[in-house]
PDB file of N, CA and C in Angstrom:
ATOM      1  N   MET A   1      -5.547 -53.280 127.320  1.00  0.00           N
ATOM      2  CA  MET A   1      -6.842 -53.750 127.740  1.00  0.00           C
ATOM      3  C   MET A   1      -6.635 -54.766 128.864  1.00  0.00           C
ATOM      4  N   LEU A   2      -7.384 -54.584 129.944  1.00  0.00           N
ATOM      5  CA  LEU A   2      -7.268 -55.462 131.098  1.00  0.00           C
ATOM      6  C   LEU A   2      -8.618 -56.079 131.421  1.00  0.00           C
ATOM      7  N   TRP A   3      -8.654 -57.395 131.384  1.00  0.00           N
ATOM      8  CA  TRP A   3      -9.826 -58.147 131.809  1.00  0.00           C
ATOM      9  C   TRP A   3      -9.502 -58.755 133.165  1.00  0.00           C
ATOM     10  N   VAL A   4     -10.452 -58.636 134.097  1.00  0.00           N
ATOM     11  CA  VAL A   4     -10.246 -59.157 135.442  1.00  0.00           C
ATOM     12  C   VAL A   4     -11.399 -60.094 135.792  1.00  0.00           C
ATOM     13  N   LYS A   5     -11.031 -61.313 136.210  1.00  0.00           N
ATOM     14  CA  LYS A   5     -12.033 -62.237 136.737  1.00  0.00           C
ATOM     15  C   LYS A   5     -12.172 -61.934 138.223  1.00  0.00           C
ATOM     16  N   THR A   6     -13.378 -61.615 138.664  1.00  0.00           N
ATOM     17  CA  THR A   6     -13.600 -61.190 140.036  1.00  0.00           C
ATOM     18  C   THR A   6     -13.275 -62.298 141.034  1.00  0.00           C
ATOM     19  N   GLN A   7     -13.075 -61.881 142.271  1.00  0.00           N
ATOM     20  CA  GLN A   7     -12.710 -62.811 143.334  1.00  0.00           C
ATOM     21  C   GLN A   7     -13.774 -63.896 143.520  1.00  0.00           C
ATOM     22  N   ASN A   8     -15.048 -63.547 143.363  1.00  0.00           N
ATOM     23  CA  ASN A   8     -16.108 -64.544 143.525  1.00  0.00           C
ATOM     24  C   ASN A   8     -16.290 -65.418 142.283  1.00  0.00           C
ATOM     25  N   LYS A   9     -15.488 -65.158 141.258  1.00  0.00           N
ATOM     26  CA  LYS A   9     -15.445 -65.938 140.017  1.00  0.00           C
ATOM     27  C   LYS A   9     -16.756 -65.928 139.232  1.00  0.00           C
ATOM     28  N   ARG A  10     -17.559 -64.899 139.456  1.00  0.00           N
ATOM     29  CA  ARG A  10     -18.852 -64.810 138.772  1.00  0.00           C
ATOM     30  C   ARG A  10     -18.862 -63.839 137.605  1.00  0.00           C
ATOM     31  N   SER A  11     -17.813 -63.017 137.505  1.00  0.00           N
ATOM     32  CA  SER A  11     -17.806 -62.005 136.442  1.00  0.00           C
ATOM     33  C   SER A  11     -16.418 -61.848 135.845  1.00  0.00           C
ATOM     34  N   LEU A  12     -16.404 -61.492 134.592  1.00  0.00           N
ATOM     35  CA  LEU A  12     -15.193 -61.104 133.883  1.00  0.00           C
ATOM     36  C   LEU A  12     -15.428 -59.664 133.451  1.00  0.00           C
ATOM     37  N   VAL A  13     -14.579 -58.749 133.952  1.00  0.00           N
ATOM     38  CA  VAL A  13     -14.821 -57.321 133.792  1.00  0.00           C
ATOM     39  C   VAL A  13     -13.675 -56.672 133.036  1.00  0.00           C
ATOM     40  N   ASN A  14     -14.004 -55.836 132.051  1.00  0.00           N
ATOM     41  CA  ASN A  14     -13.006 -55.047 131.337  1.00  0.00           C
ATOM     42  C   ASN A  14     -12.859 -53.739 132.096  1.00  0.00           C
ATOM     43  N   VAL A  15     -11.699 -53.525 132.717  1.00  0.00           N
ATOM     44  CA  VAL A  15     -11.517 -52.333 133.549  1.00  0.00           C
ATOM     45  C   VAL A  15     -10.570 -51.339 132.893  1.00  0.00           C
ATOM     46  N   LYS A  16     -10.830 -50.067 133.168  1.00  0.00           N
ATOM     47  CA  LYS A  16     -10.000 -48.976 132.658  1.00  0.00           C
ATOM     48  C   LYS A  16      -8.948 -48.561 133.680  1.00  0.00           C
ATOM     49  N   GLU A  17      -9.304 -48.616 134.964  1.00  0.00           N
ATOM     50  CA  GLU A  17      -8.414 -48.231 136.055  1.00  0.00           C
ATOM     51  C   GLU A  17      -8.651 -49.168 137.228  1.00  0.00           C
ATOM     52  N   ILE A  18      -7.661 -49.228 138.110  1.00  0.00           N
ATOM     53  CA  ILE A  18      -7.757 -50.007 139.342  1.00  0.00           C
ATOM     54  C   ILE A  18      -7.519 -49.049 140.505  1.00  0.00           C
ATOM     55  N   ALA A  19      -8.316 -49.192 141.564  1.00  0.00           N
ATOM     56  CA  ALA A  19      -8.154 -48.361 142.756  1.00  0.00           C
ATOM     57  C   ALA A  19      -8.333 -49.226 143.999  1.00  0.00           C
ATOM     58  N   VAL A  20      -7.695 -48.811 145.088  1.00  0.00           N
ATOM     59  CA  VAL A  20      -7.879 -49.468 146.375  1.00  0.00           C
ATOM     60  C   VAL A  20      -8.696 -48.536 147.253  1.00  0.00           C
ATOM     61  N   LYS A  21      -9.764 -49.060 147.813  1.00  0.00           N
ATOM     62  CA  LYS A  21     -10.590 -48.312 148.763  1.00  0.00           C
ATOM     63  C   LYS A  21     -10.709 -49.176 150.005  1.00  0.00           C
ATOM     64  N   ALA A  22     -10.065 -48.715 151.078  1.00  0.00           N
ATOM     65  CA  ALA A  22      -9.994 -49.459 152.350  1.00  0.00           C
ATOM     66  C   ALA A  22      -9.339 -50.815 152.077  1.00  0.00           C
ATOM     67  N   ASN A  23     -10.083 -51.904 152.206  1.00  0.00           N
ATOM     68  CA  ASN A  23      -9.498 -53.231 151.976  1.00  0.00           C
ATOM     69  C   ASN A  23     -10.021 -53.878 150.692  1.00  0.00           C
ATOM     70  N   ALA A  24     -10.609 -53.089 149.807  1.00  0.00           N
ATOM     71  CA  ALA A  24     -11.166 -53.614 148.561  1.00  0.00           C
ATOM     72  C   ALA A  24     -10.396 -53.099 147.354  1.00  0.00           C
ATOM     73  N   VAL A  25     -10.310 -53.946 146.335  1.00  0.00           N
ATOM     74  CA  VAL A  25      -9.746 -53.540 145.047  1.00  0.00           C
ATOM     75  C   VAL A  25     -10.937 -53.295 144.132  1.00  0.00           C
ATOM     76  N   GLU A  26     -10.973 -52.102 143.578  1.00  0.00           N
ATOM     77  CA  GLU A  26     -12.099 -51.671 142.759  1.00  0.00           C
ATOM     78  C   GLU A  26     -11.636 -51.463 141.328  1.00  0.00           C
ATOM     79  N   GLY A  27     -12.446 -51.895 140.386  1.00  0.00           N
ATOM     80  CA  GLY A  27     -12.162 -51.666 138.980  1.00  0.00           C
ATOM     81  C   GLY A  27     -13.077 -50.596 138.439  1.00  0.00           C
ATOM     82  N   ILE A  28     -12.511 -49.574 137.847  1.00  0.00           N
ATOM     83  CA  ILE A  28     -13.309 -48.507 137.240  1.00  0.00           C
ATOM     84  C   ILE A  28     -13.589 -48.915 135.803  1.00  0.00           C
ATOM     85  N   ILE A  29     -14.854 -49.027 135.505  1.00  0.00           N
ATOM     86  CA  ILE A  29     -15.292 -49.535 134.207  1.00  0.00           C
ATOM     87  C   ILE A  29     -15.436 -48.414 133.189  1.00  0.00           C
ATOM     88  N   SER A  30     -15.952 -47.280 133.644  1.00  0.00           N
ATOM     89  CA  SER A  30     -16.162 -46.140 132.749  1.00  0.00           C
ATOM     90  C   SER A  30     -16.099 -44.860 133.572  1.00  0.00           C
ATOM     91  N   ARG A  31     -15.670 -43.780 132.940  1.00  0.00           N
ATOM     92  CA  ARG A  31     -15.549 -42.505 133.640  1.00  0.00           C
ATOM     93  C   ARG A  31     -15.982 -41.380 132.700  1.00  0.00           C
ATOM     94  N   SER A  32     -16.738 -40.443 133.262  1.00  0.00           N
ATOM     95  CA  SER A  32     -17.070 -39.226 132.533  1.00  0.00           C
ATOM     96  C   SER A  32     -16.687 -38.046 133.426  1.00  0.00           C
ATOM     97  N   PHE A  33     -17.141 -36.852 133.104  1.00  0.00           N
ATOM     98  CA  PHE A  33     -16.695 -35.661 133.825  1.00  0.00           C
ATOM     99  C   PHE A  33     -16.946 -35.725 135.330  1.00  0.00           C
ATOM    100  N   PHE A  34     -18.153 -36.041 135.745  1.00  0.00           N
ATOM    101  CA  PHE A  34     -18.493 -35.996 137.162  1.00  0.00           C
ATOM    102  C   PHE A  34     -18.861 -37.352 137.753  1.00  0.00           C
ATOM    103  N   VAL A  35     -18.887 -38.376 136.953  1.00  0.00           N
ATOM    104  CA  VAL A  35     -19.379 -39.678 137.383  1.00  0.00           C
ATOM    105  C   VAL A  35     -18.434 -40.772 136.900  1.00  0.00           C
ATOM    106  N   TYR A  36     -18.308 -41.811 137.720  1.00  0.00           N
ATOM    107  CA  TYR A  36     -17.621 -43.003 137.231  1.00  0.00           C
ATOM    108  C   TYR A  36     -18.354 -44.247 137.712  1.00  0.00           C
ATOM    109  N   TRP A  37     -18.258 -45.300 136.934  1.00  0.00           N
ATOM    110  CA  TRP A  37     -18.892 -46.561 137.252  1.00  0.00           C
ATOM    111  C   TRP A  37     -17.801 -47.543 137.633  1.00  0.00           C
ATOM    112  N   SER A  38     -17.991 -48.179 138.768  1.00  0.00           N
ATOM    113  CA  SER A  38     -16.959 -49.097 139.242  1.00  0.00           C
ATOM    114  C   SER A  38     -17.592 -50.361 139.786  1.00  0.00           C
ATOM    115  N   ARG A  39     -16.709 -51.316 140.066  1.00  0.00           N
ATOM    116  CA  ARG A  39     -17.135 -52.617 140.575  1.00  0.00           C
ATOM    117  C   ARG A  39     -16.070 -53.121 141.521  1.00  0.00           C
ATOM    118  N   VAL A  40     -16.474 -53.686 142.651  1.00  0.00           N
ATOM    119  CA  VAL A  40     -15.507 -54.307 143.558  1.00  0.00           C
ATOM    120  C   VAL A  40     -15.055 -55.611 142.918  1.00  0.00           C
ATOM    121  N   LEU A  41     -13.753 -55.728 142.752  1.00  0.00           N
ATOM    122  CA  LEU A  41     -13.181 -56.915 142.123  1.00  0.00           C
ATOM    123  C   LEU A  41     -12.778 -57.963 143.151  1.00  0.00           C
ATOM    124  N   GLY A  42     -12.406 -57.494 144.351  1.00  0.00           N
ATOM    125  CA  GLY A  42     -12.018 -58.404 145.421  1.00  0.00           C
ATOM    126  C   GLY A  42     -11.896 -57.664 146.736  1.00  0.00           C
ATOM    127  N   GLU A  43     -12.131 -58.373 147.827  1.00  0.00           N
ATOM    128  CA  GLU A  43     -11.990 -57.787 149.164  1.00  0.00           C
ATOM    129  C   GLU A  43     -10.986 -58.613 149.957  1.00  0.00           C
ATOM    130  N   TYR A  44     -10.186 -57.927 150.749  1.00  0.00           N
ATOM    131  CA  TYR A  44      -9.087 -58.571 151.463  1.00  0.00           C
ATOM    132  C   TYR A  44      -9.101 -58.193 152.935  1.00  0.00           C
ATOM    133  N   ASP A  45      -8.279 -58.864 153.715  1.00  0.00           N
ATOM    134  CA  ASP A  45      -8.259 -58.670 155.165  1.00  0.00           C
ATOM    135  C   ASP A  45      -7.702 -57.315 155.582  1.00  0.00           C
ATOM    136  N   SER A  46      -6.905 -56.696 154.724  1.00  0.00           N
ATOM    137  CA  SER A  46      -6.284 -55.421 155.086  1.00  0.00           C
ATOM    138  C   SER A  46      -6.038 -54.577 153.844  1.00  0.00           C
ATOM    139  N   ASN A  47      -5.793 -53.303 154.086  1.00  0.00           N
ATOM    140  CA  ASN A  47      -5.428 -52.391 153.013  1.00  0.00           C
ATOM    141  C   ASN A  47      -4.098 -52.807 152.399  1.00  0.00           C
ATOM    142  N   GLU A  48      -3.173 -53.271 153.220  1.00  0.00           N
ATOM    143  CA  GLU A  48      -1.854 -53.690 152.728  1.00  0.00           C
ATOM    144  C   GLU A  48      -1.980 -54.854 151.751  1.00  0.00           C
ATOM    145  N   ARG A  49      -2.865 -55.819 152.056  1.00  0.00           N
ATOM    146  CA  ARG A  49      -3.058 -56.962 151.153  1.00  0.00           C
ATOM    147  C   ARG A  49      -3.688 -56.481 149.843  1.00  0.00           C
ATOM    148  N   ALA A  50      -4.634 -55.562 149.917  1.00  0.00           N
ATOM    149  CA  ALA A  50      -5.250 -55.022 148.696  1.00  0.00           C
ATOM    150  C   ALA A  50      -4.191 -54.342 147.825  1.00  0.00           C
ATOM    151  N   LEU A  51      -3.278 -53.604 148.452  1.00  0.00           N
ATOM    152  CA  LEU A  51      -2.199 -52.955 147.700  1.00  0.00           C
ATOM    153  C   LEU A  51      -1.252 -53.978 147.081  1.00  0.00           C
ATOM    154  N   GLU A  52      -1.010 -55.093 147.761  1.00  0.00           N
ATOM    155  CA  GLU A  52      -0.178 -56.173 147.195  1.00  0.00           C
ATOM    156  C   GLU A  52      -0.824 -56.735 145.932  1.00  0.00           C
ATOM    157  N   VAL A  53      -2.137 -56.890 145.959  1.00  0.00           N
ATOM    158  CA  VAL A  53      -2.850 -57.409 144.783  1.00  0.00           C
ATOM    159  C   VAL A  53      -2.732 -56.430 143.621  1.00  0.00           C
ATOM    160  N   VAL A  54      -2.832 -55.137 143.893  1.00  0.00           N
ATOM    161  CA  VAL A  54      -2.658 -54.130 142.836  1.00  0.00           C
ATOM    162  C   VAL A  54      -1.251 -54.233 142.251  1.00  0.00           C
ATOM    163  N   GLU A  55      -0.265 -54.479 143.077  1.00  0.00           N
ATOM    164  CA  GLU A  55       1.112 -54.663 142.592  1.00  0.00           C
ATOM    165  C   GLU A  55       1.207 -55.891 141.688  1.00  0.00           C
ATOM    166  N   GLN A  56       0.488 -56.960 142.032  1.00  0.00           N
ATOM    167  CA  GLN A  56       0.459 -58.152 141.177  1.00  0.00           C
ATOM    168  C   GLN A  56      -0.168 -57.833 139.820  1.00  0.00           C
ATOM    169  N   ILE A  57      -1.224 -57.045 139.829  1.00  0.00           N
ATOM    170  CA  ILE A  57      -1.866 -56.638 138.576  1.00  0.00           C
ATOM    171  C   ILE A  57      -0.884 -55.828 137.735  1.00  0.00           C
ATOM    172  N   TYR A  58      -0.177 -54.911 138.378  1.00  0.00           N
ATOM    173  CA  TYR A  58       0.819 -54.099 137.675  1.00  0.00           C
ATOM    174  C   TYR A  58       1.882 -54.980 137.015  1.00  0.00           C
ATOM    175  N   LYS A  59       2.382 -55.953 137.755  1.00  0.00           N
ATOM    176  CA  LYS A  59       3.413 -56.845 137.201  1.00  0.00           C
ATOM    177  C   LYS A  59       2.877 -57.652 136.032  1.00  0.00           C
ATOM    178  N   LYS A  60       1.623 -58.067 136.127  1.00  0.00           N
ATOM    179  CA  LYS A  60       1.006 -58.803 135.021  1.00  0.00           C
ATOM    180  C   LYS A  60       0.952 -57.921 133.769  1.00  0.00           C
ATOM    181  N   LEU A  61       0.564 -56.665 133.934  1.00  0.00           N
ATOM    182  CA  LEU A  61       0.515 -55.744 132.795  1.00  0.00           C
ATOM    183  C   LEU A  61       1.904 -55.438 132.255  1.00  0.00           C
ATOM    184  N   GLU A  62       2.856 -55.268 133.160  1.00  0.00           N
ATOM    185  CA  GLU A  62       4.220 -54.946 132.764  1.00  0.00           C
ATOM    186  C   GLU A  62       4.840 -56.055 131.919  1.00  0.00           C
ATOM    187  N   HIS A  63       4.528 -57.294 132.241  1.00  0.00           N
ATOM    188  CA  HIS A  63       5.117 -58.416 131.520  1.00  0.00           C
ATOM    189  C   HIS A  63       4.250 -58.912 130.371  1.00  0.00           C
ATOM    190  N   GLY A  64       3.034 -58.336 130.248  1.00  0.00           N
ATOM    191  CA  GLY A  64       2.131 -58.743 129.178  1.00  0.00           C
ATOM    192  C   GLY A  64       2.701 -58.407 127.807  1.00  0.00           C
ATOM    193  N   GLY A  65       3.146 -57.165 127.649  1.00  0.00           N
ATOM    194  CA  GLY A  65       3.834 -56.766 126.431  1.00  0.00           C
ATOM    195  C   GLY A  65       2.971 -56.498 125.222  1.00  0.00           C
ATOM    196  N   ASN A  66       1.814 -57.142 125.106  1.00  0.00           N
ATOM    197  CA  ASN A  66       1.017 -56.971 123.895  1.00  0.00           C
ATOM    198  C   ASN A  66      -0.194 -56.058 124.097  1.00  0.00           C
ATOM    199  N   GLY A  67      -0.292 -55.394 125.252  1.00  0.00           N
ATOM    200  CA  GLY A  67      -1.401 -54.489 125.505  1.00  0.00           C
ATOM    201  C   GLY A  67      -2.685 -55.171 125.911  1.00  0.00           C
ATOM    202  N   PHE A  68      -2.617 -56.463 126.184  1.00  0.00           N
ATOM    203  CA  PHE A  68      -3.807 -57.234 126.562  1.00  0.00           C
ATOM    204  C   PHE A  68      -3.422 -58.140 127.726  1.00  0.00           C
ATOM    205  N   ALA A  69      -4.218 -58.144 128.783  1.00  0.00           N
ATOM    206  CA  ALA A  69      -3.922 -59.003 129.927  1.00  0.00           C
ATOM    207  C   ALA A  69      -5.222 -59.479 130.571  1.00  0.00           C
ATOM    208  N   VAL A  70      -5.133 -60.673 131.133  1.00  0.00           N
ATOM    209  CA  VAL A  70      -6.236 -61.230 131.928  1.00  0.00           C
ATOM    210  C   VAL A  70      -5.665 -61.513 133.304  1.00  0.00           C
ATOM    211  N   PHE A  71      -6.364 -61.062 134.347  1.00  0.00           N
ATOM    212  CA  PHE A  71      -5.899 -61.259 135.714  1.00  0.00           C
ATOM    213  C   PHE A  71      -7.013 -61.887 136.516  1.00  0.00           C
ATOM    214  N   PHE A  72      -6.680 -62.906 137.289  1.00  0.00           N
ATOM    215  CA  PHE A  72      -7.631 -63.579 138.154  1.00  0.00           C
ATOM    216  C   PHE A  72      -7.398 -63.077 139.580  1.00  0.00           C
ATOM    217  N   MET A  73      -8.412 -62.439 140.170  1.00  0.00           N
ATOM    218  CA  MET A  73      -8.275 -61.918 141.523  1.00  0.00           C
ATOM    219  C   MET A  73      -8.040 -63.074 142.493  1.00  0.00           C
ATOM    220  N   PRO A  74      -6.991 -62.976 143.306  1.00  0.00           N
ATOM    221  CA  PRO A  74      -6.706 -64.064 144.247  1.00  0.00           C
ATOM    222  C   PRO A  74      -7.681 -64.064 145.406  1.00  0.00           C
ATOM    223  N   ASP A  75      -7.835 -65.249 146.011  1.00  0.00           N
ATOM    224  CA  ASP A  75      -8.600 -65.340 147.249  1.00  0.00           C
ATOM    225  C   ASP A  75      -7.853 -64.573 148.312  1.00  0.00           C
ATOM    226  N   LYS A  76      -8.425 -64.407 149.412  1.00  0.00           N
ATOM    227  CA  LYS A  76      -7.852 -63.605 150.507  1.00  0.00           C
ATOM    228  C   LYS A  76      -6.410 -63.900 150.670  1.00  0.00           C
TER     229      LYS A  76
END
């Protein structure tokens, strides 16, 4: 289970998947056959920076060990 505090610090979101779209990191909240619900978790200056943030999320999950993690989206 992954909880993410959004970059604007206004929401705490339980996400199922993480995706990068252009320069934004998006959290997929729910998915069905033809539809998915998502939320922008943070926006960055470049696609490369967004991918770096996803790598940070991965490392947080990898070292979490107990199946539960909280990640705070970094500022730009």
